[in-house]
Amino acid sequence: MTQKLATAQAATGAGTPVGPKLHKEYGVAQVEITGVATVNIEGRVDGAAPWVVITTLTSSDAVSVALMTQIRSNVTSFTSGVVNAWLED
């Protein structure tokens, strides 16, 4: 199942967390960066736990990620363009 982590985001900031729907160890995060930005894919094992960086992307790419209870995208640096991000679990 594919879930959106960011839709045409044009500023720094974290997206809304999603919870993977399938019970697998790994999924795929895909990020599209149309300009210049840095995007962290972050996760945590519990709603009270701190966010940890799973991977960092500075260009459009798809990467394998460990699936955690909650996952979000976080644009930590933004200069231009937009950011779209998806999680396939």
PDB file of N, CA and C in Angstrom:
ATOM      1  N   MET A   1       0.839  -1.173   0.000  1.00  0.00           N
ATOM      2  CA  MET A   1       0.000   0.000   0.000  1.00  0.00           C
ATOM      3  C   MET A   1       0.887   1.238   0.000  1.00  0.00           C
ATOM      4  N   THR A   2       0.554   2.205  -0.840  1.00  0.00           N
ATOM      5  CA  THR A   2       1.319   3.440  -0.936  1.00  0.00           C
ATOM      6  C   THR A   2       0.642   4.543  -0.130  1.00  0.00           C
ATOM      7  N   GLN A   3       1.448   5.265   0.647  1.00  0.00           N
ATOM      8  CA  GLN A   3       0.943   6.386   1.442  1.00  0.00           C
ATOM      9  C   GLN A   3       1.776   7.632   1.124  1.00  0.00           C
ATOM     10  N   LYS A   4       1.142   8.791   1.106  1.00  0.00           N
ATOM     11  CA  LYS A   4       1.835  10.052   0.843  1.00  0.00           C
ATOM     12  C   LYS A   4       2.469  10.572   2.129  1.00  0.00           C
ATOM     13  N   LEU A   5       3.740  10.940   2.035  1.00  0.00           N
ATOM     14  CA  LEU A   5       4.446  11.562   3.151  1.00  0.00           C
ATOM     15  C   LEU A   5       4.536  13.070   2.977  1.00  0.00           C
ATOM     16  N   ALA A   6       4.561  13.550   1.720  1.00  0.00           N
ATOM     17  CA  ALA A   6       4.607  14.988   1.430  1.00  0.00           C
ATOM     18  C   ALA A   6       3.991  15.220   0.061  1.00  0.00           C
ATOM     19  N   THR A   7       3.249  16.317  -0.072  1.00  0.00           N
ATOM     20  CA  THR A   7       2.622  16.676  -1.342  1.00  0.00           C
ATOM     21  C   THR A   7       2.957  18.119  -1.683  1.00  0.00           C
ATOM     22  N   ALA A   8       3.762  18.303  -2.711  1.00  0.00           N
ATOM     23  CA  ALA A   8       4.149  19.639  -3.192  1.00  0.00           C
ATOM     24  C   ALA A   8       4.591  20.554  -2.062  1.00  0.00           C
ATOM     25  N   GLN A   9       5.406  20.029  -1.165  1.00  0.00           N
ATOM     26  CA  GLN A   9       5.899  20.813  -0.032  1.00  0.00           C
ATOM     27  C   GLN A   9       6.958  21.790  -0.513  1.00  0.00           C
ATOM     28  N   ALA A  10       6.817  23.060  -0.162  1.00  0.00           N
ATOM     29  CA  ALA A  10       7.727  24.098  -0.634  1.00  0.00           C
ATOM     30  C   ALA A  10       8.304  24.903   0.531  1.00  0.00           C
ATOM     31  N   ALA A  11       8.611  24.237   1.622  1.00  0.00           N
ATOM     32  CA  ALA A  11       9.192  24.896   2.797  1.00  0.00           C
ATOM     33  C   ALA A  11       9.770  23.810   3.704  1.00  0.00           C
ATOM     34  N   THR A  12      10.573  24.222   4.672  1.00  0.00           N
ATOM     35  CA  THR A  12      11.076  23.250   5.633  1.00  0.00           C
ATOM     36  C   THR A  12       9.945  22.824   6.553  1.00  0.00           C
ATOM     37  N   GLY A  13      10.110  21.644   7.156  1.00  0.00           N
ATOM     38  CA  GLY A  13       9.128  21.164   8.118  1.00  0.00           C
ATOM     39  C   GLY A  13       8.814  19.693   7.914  1.00  0.00           C
ATOM     40  N   ALA A  14       8.247  19.106   8.949  1.00  0.00           N
ATOM     41  CA  ALA A  14       7.921  17.683   8.948  1.00  0.00           C
ATOM     42  C   ALA A  14       6.516  17.453   8.405  1.00  0.00           C
ATOM     43  N   GLY A  15       6.358  16.351   7.701  1.00  0.00           N
ATOM     44  CA  GLY A  15       5.052  15.944   7.223  1.00  0.00           C
ATOM     45  C   GLY A  15       4.282  15.208   8.308  1.00  0.00           C
ATOM     46  N   THR A  16       3.049  14.878   8.015  1.00  0.00           N
ATOM     47  CA  THR A  16       2.210  14.134   8.942  1.00  0.00           C
ATOM     48  C   THR A  16       2.681  12.686   9.005  1.00  0.00           C
ATOM     49  N   PRO A  17       2.885  12.131  10.190  1.00  0.00           N
ATOM     50  CA  PRO A  17       3.332  10.745  10.297  1.00  0.00           C
ATOM     51  C   PRO A  17       2.286   9.769   9.761  1.00  0.00           C
ATOM     52  N   VAL A  18       2.769   8.685   9.164  1.00  0.00           N
ATOM     53  CA  VAL A  18       1.890   7.601   8.732  1.00  0.00           C
ATOM     54  C   VAL A  18       2.334   6.327   9.432  1.00  0.00           C
ATOM     55  N   GLY A  19       1.419   5.392   9.542  1.00  0.00           N
ATOM     56  CA  GLY A  19       1.732   4.089  10.108  1.00  0.00           C
ATOM     57  C   GLY A  19       1.672   3.043   9.010  1.00  0.00           C
ATOM     58  N   PRO A  20       2.745   2.301   8.803  1.00  0.00           N
ATOM     59  CA  PRO A  20       2.709   1.255   7.793  1.00  0.00           C
ATOM     60  C   PRO A  20       1.530   0.308   8.032  1.00  0.00           C
ATOM     61  N   LYS A  21       0.870  -0.097   6.961  1.00  0.00           N
ATOM     62  CA  LYS A  21      -0.336  -0.925   7.056  1.00  0.00           C
ATOM     63  C   LYS A  21      -0.037  -2.419   7.030  1.00  0.00           C
ATOM     64  N   LEU A  22       1.077  -2.796   6.430  1.00  0.00           N
ATOM     65  CA  LEU A  22       1.432  -4.210   6.340  1.00  0.00           C
ATOM     66  C   LEU A  22       2.504  -4.536   7.370  1.00  0.00           C
ATOM     67  N   HIS A  23       2.552  -5.769   7.775  1.00  0.00           N
ATOM     68  CA  HIS A  23       3.517  -6.174   8.803  1.00  0.00           C
ATOM     69  C   HIS A  23       4.746  -6.791   8.134  1.00  0.00           C
ATOM     70  N   LYS A  24       5.593  -5.907   7.603  1.00  0.00           N
ATOM     71  CA  LYS A  24       6.841  -6.312   6.984  1.00  0.00           C
ATOM     72  C   LYS A  24       7.968  -5.556   7.671  1.00  0.00           C
ATOM     73  N   GLU A  25       9.196  -6.039   7.475  1.00  0.00           N
ATOM     74  CA  GLU A  25      10.347  -5.374   8.081  1.00  0.00           C
ATOM     75  C   GLU A  25      10.800  -4.157   7.295  1.00  0.00           C
ATOM     76  N   TYR A  26      10.673  -4.206   5.962  1.00  0.00           N
ATOM     77  CA  TYR A  26      11.180  -3.130   5.115  1.00  0.00           C
ATOM     78  C   TYR A  26      10.133  -2.676   4.112  1.00  0.00           C
ATOM     79  N   GLY A  27      10.247  -1.415   3.723  1.00  0.00           N
ATOM     80  CA  GLY A  27       9.415  -0.840   2.687  1.00  0.00           C
ATOM     81  C   GLY A  27      10.292   0.019   1.799  1.00  0.00           C
ATOM     82  N   VAL A  28       9.651   0.796   0.921  1.00  0.00           N
ATOM     83  CA  VAL A  28      10.387   1.675   0.018  1.00  0.00           C
ATOM     84  C   VAL A  28       9.878   3.100   0.187  1.00  0.00           C
ATOM     85  N   ALA A  29      10.800   4.029   0.399  1.00  0.00           N
ATOM     86  CA  ALA A  29      10.471   5.451   0.421  1.00  0.00           C
ATOM     87  C   ALA A  29      10.966   6.049  -0.887  1.00  0.00           C
ATOM     88  N   GLN A  30      10.092   6.788  -1.556  1.00  0.00           N
ATOM     89  CA  GLN A  30      10.474   7.477  -2.783  1.00  0.00           C
ATOM     90  C   GLN A  30      10.272   8.963  -2.572  1.00  0.00           C
ATOM     91  N   VAL A  31      11.277   9.740  -2.971  1.00  0.00           N
ATOM     92  CA  VAL A  31      11.224  11.189  -2.817  1.00  0.00           C
ATOM     93  C   VAL A  31      11.492  11.829  -4.169  1.00  0.00           C
ATOM     94  N   GLU A  32      10.679  12.832  -4.506  1.00  0.00           N
ATOM     95  CA  GLU A  32      10.895  13.648  -5.699  1.00  0.00           C
ATOM     96  C   GLU A  32      11.231  15.059  -5.230  1.00  0.00           C
ATOM     97  N   ILE A  33      12.397  15.532  -5.625  1.00  0.00           N
ATOM     98  CA  ILE A  33      12.830  16.896  -5.306  1.00  0.00           C
ATOM     99  C   ILE A  33      13.016  17.610  -6.644  1.00  0.00           C
ATOM    100  N   THR A  34      12.177  18.627  -6.913  1.00  0.00           N
ATOM    101  CA  THR A  34      12.241  19.292  -8.214  1.00  0.00           C
ATOM    102  C   THR A  34      13.206  20.472  -8.230  1.00  0.00           C
ATOM    103  N   GLY A  35      13.723  20.865  -7.099  1.00  0.00           N
ATOM    104  CA  GLY A  35      14.682  21.966  -7.012  1.00  0.00           C
ATOM    105  C   GLY A  35      15.841  21.564  -6.127  1.00  0.00           C
ATOM    106  N   VAL A  36      16.058  22.353  -5.080  1.00  0.00           N
ATOM    107  CA  VAL A  36      17.145  22.089  -4.141  1.00  0.00           C
ATOM    108  C   VAL A  36      16.553  21.959  -2.744  1.00  0.00           C
ATOM    109  N   ALA A  37      16.685  20.765  -2.164  1.00  0.00           N
ATOM    110  CA  ALA A  37      16.162  20.510  -0.813  1.00  0.00           C
ATOM    111  C   ALA A  37      16.864  19.301  -0.219  1.00  0.00           C
ATOM    112  N   THR A  38      16.780  19.192   1.092  1.00  0.00           N
ATOM    113  CA  THR A  38      17.255  18.014   1.819  1.00  0.00           C
ATOM    114  C   THR A  38      16.066  17.437   2.564  1.00  0.00           C
ATOM    115  N   VAL A  39      15.865  16.131   2.401  1.00  0.00           N
ATOM    116  CA  VAL A  39      14.713  15.469   3.005  1.00  0.00           C
ATOM    117  C   VAL A  39      15.181  14.290   3.851  1.00  0.00           C
ATOM    118  N   ASN A  40      14.789  14.296   5.107  1.00  0.00           N
ATOM    119  CA  ASN A  40      15.014  13.135   5.967  1.00  0.00           C
ATOM    120  C   ASN A  40      13.763  12.264   5.938  1.00  0.00           C
ATOM    121  N   ILE A  41      13.950  10.959   5.880  1.00  0.00           N
ATOM    122  CA  ILE A  41      12.880  10.016   6.175  1.00  0.00           C
ATOM    123  C   ILE A  41      13.133   9.589   7.609  1.00  0.00           C
ATOM    124  N   GLU A  42      12.167   9.847   8.482  1.00  0.00           N
ATOM    125  CA  GLU A  42      12.345   9.631   9.912  1.00  0.00           C
ATOM    126  C   GLU A  42      11.322   8.629  10.432  1.00  0.00           C
ATOM    127  N   GLY A  43      11.666   7.966  11.509  1.00  0.00           N
ATOM    128  CA  GLY A  43      10.742   7.015  12.099  1.00  0.00           C
ATOM    129  C   GLY A  43      10.879   6.977  13.607  1.00  0.00           C
ATOM    130  N   ARG A  44       9.883   6.343  14.215  1.00  0.00           N
ATOM    131  CA  ARG A  44       9.947   6.097  15.662  1.00  0.00           C
ATOM    132  C   ARG A  44       9.100   4.865  15.972  1.00  0.00           C
ATOM    133  N   VAL A  45       9.453   4.192  17.053  1.00  0.00           N
ATOM    134  CA  VAL A  45       8.800   2.928  17.408  1.00  0.00           C
ATOM    135  C   VAL A  45       7.555   3.124  18.266  1.00  0.00           C
ATOM    136  N   ASP A  46       7.352   4.340  18.772  1.00  0.00           N
ATOM    137  CA  ASP A  46       6.201   4.625  19.628  1.00  0.00           C
ATOM    138  C   ASP A  46       5.901   6.119  19.539  1.00  0.00           C
ATOM    139  N   GLY A  47       4.658   6.500  19.715  1.00  0.00           N
ATOM    140  CA  GLY A  47       4.281   7.904  19.654  1.00  0.00           C
ATOM    141  C   GLY A  47       4.983   8.789  20.665  1.00  0.00           C
ATOM    142  N   ALA A  48       5.501   8.209  21.737  1.00  0.00           N
ATOM    143  CA  ALA A  48       6.208   8.977  22.758  1.00  0.00           C
ATOM    144  C   ALA A  48       7.725   8.971  22.552  1.00  0.00           C
ATOM    145  N   ALA A  49       8.209   8.169  21.603  1.00  0.00           N
ATOM    146  CA  ALA A  49       9.652   8.056  21.351  1.00  0.00           C
ATOM    147  C   ALA A  49      10.129   9.216  20.475  1.00  0.00           C
ATOM    148  N   PRO A  50      11.408   9.562  20.561  1.00  0.00           N
ATOM    149  CA  PRO A  50      11.928  10.629  19.702  1.00  0.00           C
ATOM    150  C   PRO A  50      12.042  10.145  18.250  1.00  0.00           C
ATOM    151  N   TRP A  51      11.969  11.087  17.311  1.00  0.00           N
ATOM    152  CA  TRP A  51      12.160  10.761  15.904  1.00  0.00           C
ATOM    153  C   TRP A  51      13.636  10.490  15.646  1.00  0.00           C
ATOM    154  N   VAL A  52      13.922   9.483  14.814  1.00  0.00           N
ATOM    155  CA  VAL A  52      15.292   9.187  14.396  1.00  0.00           C
ATOM    156  C   VAL A  52      15.347   9.217  12.870  1.00  0.00           C
ATOM    157  N   VAL A  53      16.486   9.602  12.331  1.00  0.00           N
ATOM    158  CA  VAL A  53      16.666   9.667  10.882  1.00  0.00           C
ATOM    159  C   VAL A  53      16.973   8.272  10.347  1.00  0.00           C
ATOM    160  N   ILE A  54      16.146   7.815   9.419  1.00  0.00           N
ATOM    161  CA  ILE A  54      16.374   6.527   8.755  1.00  0.00           C
ATOM    162  C   ILE A  54      17.307   6.724   7.567  1.00  0.00           C
ATOM    163  N   THR A  55      17.057   7.771   6.784  1.00  0.00           N
ATOM    164  CA  THR A  55      17.904   8.089   5.628  1.00  0.00           C
ATOM    165  C   THR A  55      17.713   9.550   5.263  1.00  0.00           C
ATOM    166  N   THR A  56      18.686  10.116   4.556  1.00  0.00           N
ATOM    167  CA  THR A  56      18.639  11.500   4.093  1.00  0.00           C
ATOM    168  C   THR A  56      18.830  11.531   2.588  1.00  0.00           C
ATOM    169  N   LEU A  57      17.984  12.297   1.895  1.00  0.00           N
ATOM    170  CA  LEU A  57      18.051  12.402   0.437  1.00  0.00           C
ATOM    171  C   LEU A  57      18.191  13.860   0.020  1.00  0.00           C
ATOM    172  N   THR A  58      19.036  14.115  -0.985  1.00  0.00           N
ATOM    173  CA  THR A  58      19.207  15.466  -1.523  1.00  0.00           C
ATOM    174  C   THR A  58      18.844  15.526  -3.006  1.00  0.00           C
ATOM    175  N   SER A  59      18.392  14.415  -3.563  1.00  0.00           N
ATOM    176  CA  SER A  59      17.910  14.378  -4.942  1.00  0.00           C
ATOM    177  C   SER A  59      16.835  13.298  -5.028  1.00  0.00           C
ATOM    178  N   SER A  60      16.067  13.323  -6.099  1.00  0.00           N
ATOM    179  CA  SER A  60      15.004  12.333  -6.274  1.00  0.00           C
ATOM    180  C   SER A  60      15.591  10.934  -6.264  1.00  0.00           C
ATOM    181  N   ASP A  61      14.965  10.043  -5.499  1.00  0.00           N
ATOM    182  CA  ASP A  61      15.483   8.685  -5.368  1.00  0.00           C
ATOM    183  C   ASP A  61      14.445   7.822  -4.670  1.00  0.00           C
ATOM    184  N   ALA A  62      14.665   6.523  -4.703  1.00  0.00           N
ATOM    185  CA  ALA A  62      13.867   5.558  -3.942  1.00  0.00           C
ATOM    186  C   ALA A  62      14.843   4.684  -3.161  1.00  0.00           C
ATOM    187  N   VAL A  63      14.546   4.479  -1.883  1.00  0.00           N
ATOM    188  CA  VAL A  63      15.448   3.718  -1.021  1.00  0.00           C
ATOM    189  C   VAL A  63      14.656   2.755  -0.146  1.00  0.00           C
ATOM    190  N   SER A  64      15.293   1.659   0.220  1.00  0.00           N
ATOM    191  CA  SER A  64      14.708   0.706   1.158  1.00  0.00           C
ATOM    192  C   SER A  64      14.826   1.278   2.566  1.00  0.00           C
ATOM    193  N   VAL A  65      13.727   1.185   3.335  1.00  0.00           N
ATOM    194  CA  VAL A  65      13.740   1.712   4.704  1.00  0.00           C
ATOM    195  C   VAL A  65      13.156   0.688   5.660  1.00  0.00           C
ATOM    196  N   ALA A  66      13.686   0.679   6.876  1.00  0.00           N
ATOM    197  CA  ALA A  66      13.112  -0.145   7.931  1.00  0.00           C
ATOM    198  C   ALA A  66      11.757   0.448   8.290  1.00  0.00           C
ATOM    199  N   LEU A  67      10.739  -0.381   8.377  1.00  0.00           N
ATOM    200  CA  LEU A  67       9.402   0.106   8.725  1.00  0.00           C
ATOM    201  C   LEU A  67       9.272   0.174  10.245  1.00  0.00           C
ATOM    202  N   MET A  68       8.872   1.339  10.727  1.00  0.00           N
ATOM    203  CA  MET A  68       8.691   1.571  12.151  1.00  0.00           C
ATOM    204  C   MET A  68       7.223   1.906  12.395  1.00  0.00           C
ATOM    205  N   THR A  69       6.818   2.028  13.639  1.00  0.00           N
ATOM    206  CA  THR A  69       5.427   2.295  13.975  1.00  0.00           C
ATOM    207  C   THR A  69       4.915   3.561  13.298  1.00  0.00           C
ATOM    208  N   GLN A  70       5.744   4.612  13.259  1.00  0.00           N
ATOM    209  CA  GLN A  70       5.400   5.851  12.563  1.00  0.00           C
ATOM    210  C   GLN A  70       6.574   6.262  11.682  1.00  0.00           C
ATOM    211  N   ILE A  71       6.248   6.754  10.482  1.00  0.00           N
ATOM    212  CA  ILE A  71       7.261   7.240   9.545  1.00  0.00           C
ATOM    213  C   ILE A  71       6.771   8.571   8.983  1.00  0.00           C
ATOM    214  N   ARG A  72       7.708   9.501   8.775  1.00  0.00           N
ATOM    215  CA  ARG A  72       7.366  10.797   8.180  1.00  0.00           C
ATOM    216  C   ARG A  72       8.533  11.282   7.317  1.00  0.00           C
ATOM    217  N   SER A  73       8.239  12.244   6.455  1.00  0.00           N
ATOM    218  CA  SER A  73       9.294  12.969   5.757  1.00  0.00           C
ATOM    219  C   SER A  73       9.511  14.273   6.517  1.00  0.00           C
ATOM    220  N   ASN A  74      10.727  14.783   6.455  1.00  0.00           N
ATOM    221  CA  ASN A  74      11.036  16.049   7.119  1.00  0.00           C
ATOM    222  C   ASN A  74      11.992  16.822   6.211  1.00  0.00           C
ATOM    223  N   VAL A  75      11.510  17.913   5.631  1.00  0.00           N
ATOM    224  CA  VAL A  75      12.343  18.756   4.789  1.00  0.00           C
ATOM    225  C   VAL A  75      13.175  19.638   5.732  1.00  0.00           C
ATOM    226  N   THR A  76      14.460  19.351   5.792  1.00  0.00           N
ATOM    227  CA  THR A  76      15.325  20.049   6.749  1.00  0.00           C
ATOM    228  C   THR A  76      16.052  21.241   6.131  1.00  0.00           C
ATOM    229  N   SER A  77      16.108  21.282   4.803  1.00  0.00           N
ATOM    230  CA  SER A  77      16.717  22.404   4.087  1.00  0.00           C
ATOM    231  C   SER A  77      15.941  22.590   2.794  1.00  0.00           C
ATOM    232  N   PHE A  78      15.601  23.839   2.482  1.00  0.00           N
ATOM    233  CA  PHE A  78      14.827  24.101   1.279  1.00  0.00           C
ATOM    234  C   PHE A  78      15.297  25.393   0.625  1.00  0.00           C
ATOM    235  N   THR A  79      15.574  25.302  -0.689  1.00  0.00           N
ATOM    236  CA  THR A  79      15.963  26.477  -1.459  1.00  0.00           C
ATOM    237  C   THR A  79      14.964  26.775  -2.566  1.00  0.00           C
ATOM    238  N   SER A  80      14.550  25.715  -3.297  1.00  0.00           N
ATOM    239  CA  SER A  80      13.646  25.939  -4.426  1.00  0.00           C
ATOM    240  C   SER A  80      12.929  24.644  -4.803  1.00  0.00           C
ATOM    241  N   GLY A  81      11.896  24.783  -5.646  1.00  0.00           N
ATOM    242  CA  GLY A  81      11.158  23.629  -6.142  1.00  0.00           C
ATOM    243  C   GLY A  81      10.096  23.165  -5.172  1.00  0.00           C
ATOM    244  N   VAL A  82       9.750  21.885  -5.274  1.00  0.00           N
ATOM    245  CA  VAL A  82       8.813  21.252  -4.354  1.00  0.00           C
ATOM    246  C   VAL A  82       9.306  19.857  -4.017  1.00  0.00           C
ATOM    247  N   VAL A  83       8.775  19.326  -2.928  1.00  0.00           N
ATOM    248  CA  VAL A  83       9.114  17.968  -2.489  1.00  0.00           C
ATOM    249  C   VAL A  83       7.826  17.139  -2.427  1.00  0.00           C
ATOM    250  N   ASN A  84       7.886  15.966  -3.039  1.00  0.00           N
ATOM    251  CA  ASN A  84       6.835  14.959  -2.921  1.00  0.00           C
ATOM    252  C   ASN A  84       7.492  13.710  -2.360  1.00  0.00           C
ATOM    253  N   ALA A  85       6.787  13.002  -1.486  1.00  0.00           N
ATOM    254  CA  ALA A  85       7.351  11.786  -0.910  1.00  0.00           C
ATOM    255  C   ALA A  85       6.262  10.756  -0.678  1.00  0.00           C
ATOM    256  N   TRP A  86       6.624   9.489  -0.872  1.00  0.00           N
ATOM    257  CA  TRP A  86       5.701   8.371  -0.718  1.00  0.00           C
ATOM    258  C   TRP A  86       6.375   7.262   0.078  1.00  0.00           C
ATOM    259  N   LEU A  87       5.556   6.452   0.715  1.00  0.00           N
ATOM    260  CA  LEU A  87       6.027   5.245   1.402  1.00  0.00           C
ATOM    261  C   LEU A  87       5.235   4.063   0.865  1.00  0.00           C
ATOM    262  N   GLU A  88       5.926   3.078   0.364  1.00  0.00           N
ATOM    263  CA  GLU A  88       5.300   1.825  -0.071  1.00  0.00           C
ATOM    264  C   GLU A  88       5.638   0.780   0.965  1.00  0.00           C
ATOM    265  N   ASP A  89       4.611   0.296   1.641  1.00  0.00           N
ATOM    266  CA  ASP A  89       4.850  -0.750   2.656  1.00  0.00           C
ATOM    267  C   ASP A  89       4.233  -2.001   2.143  1.00  0.00           C
TER     268      ASP A  89
END
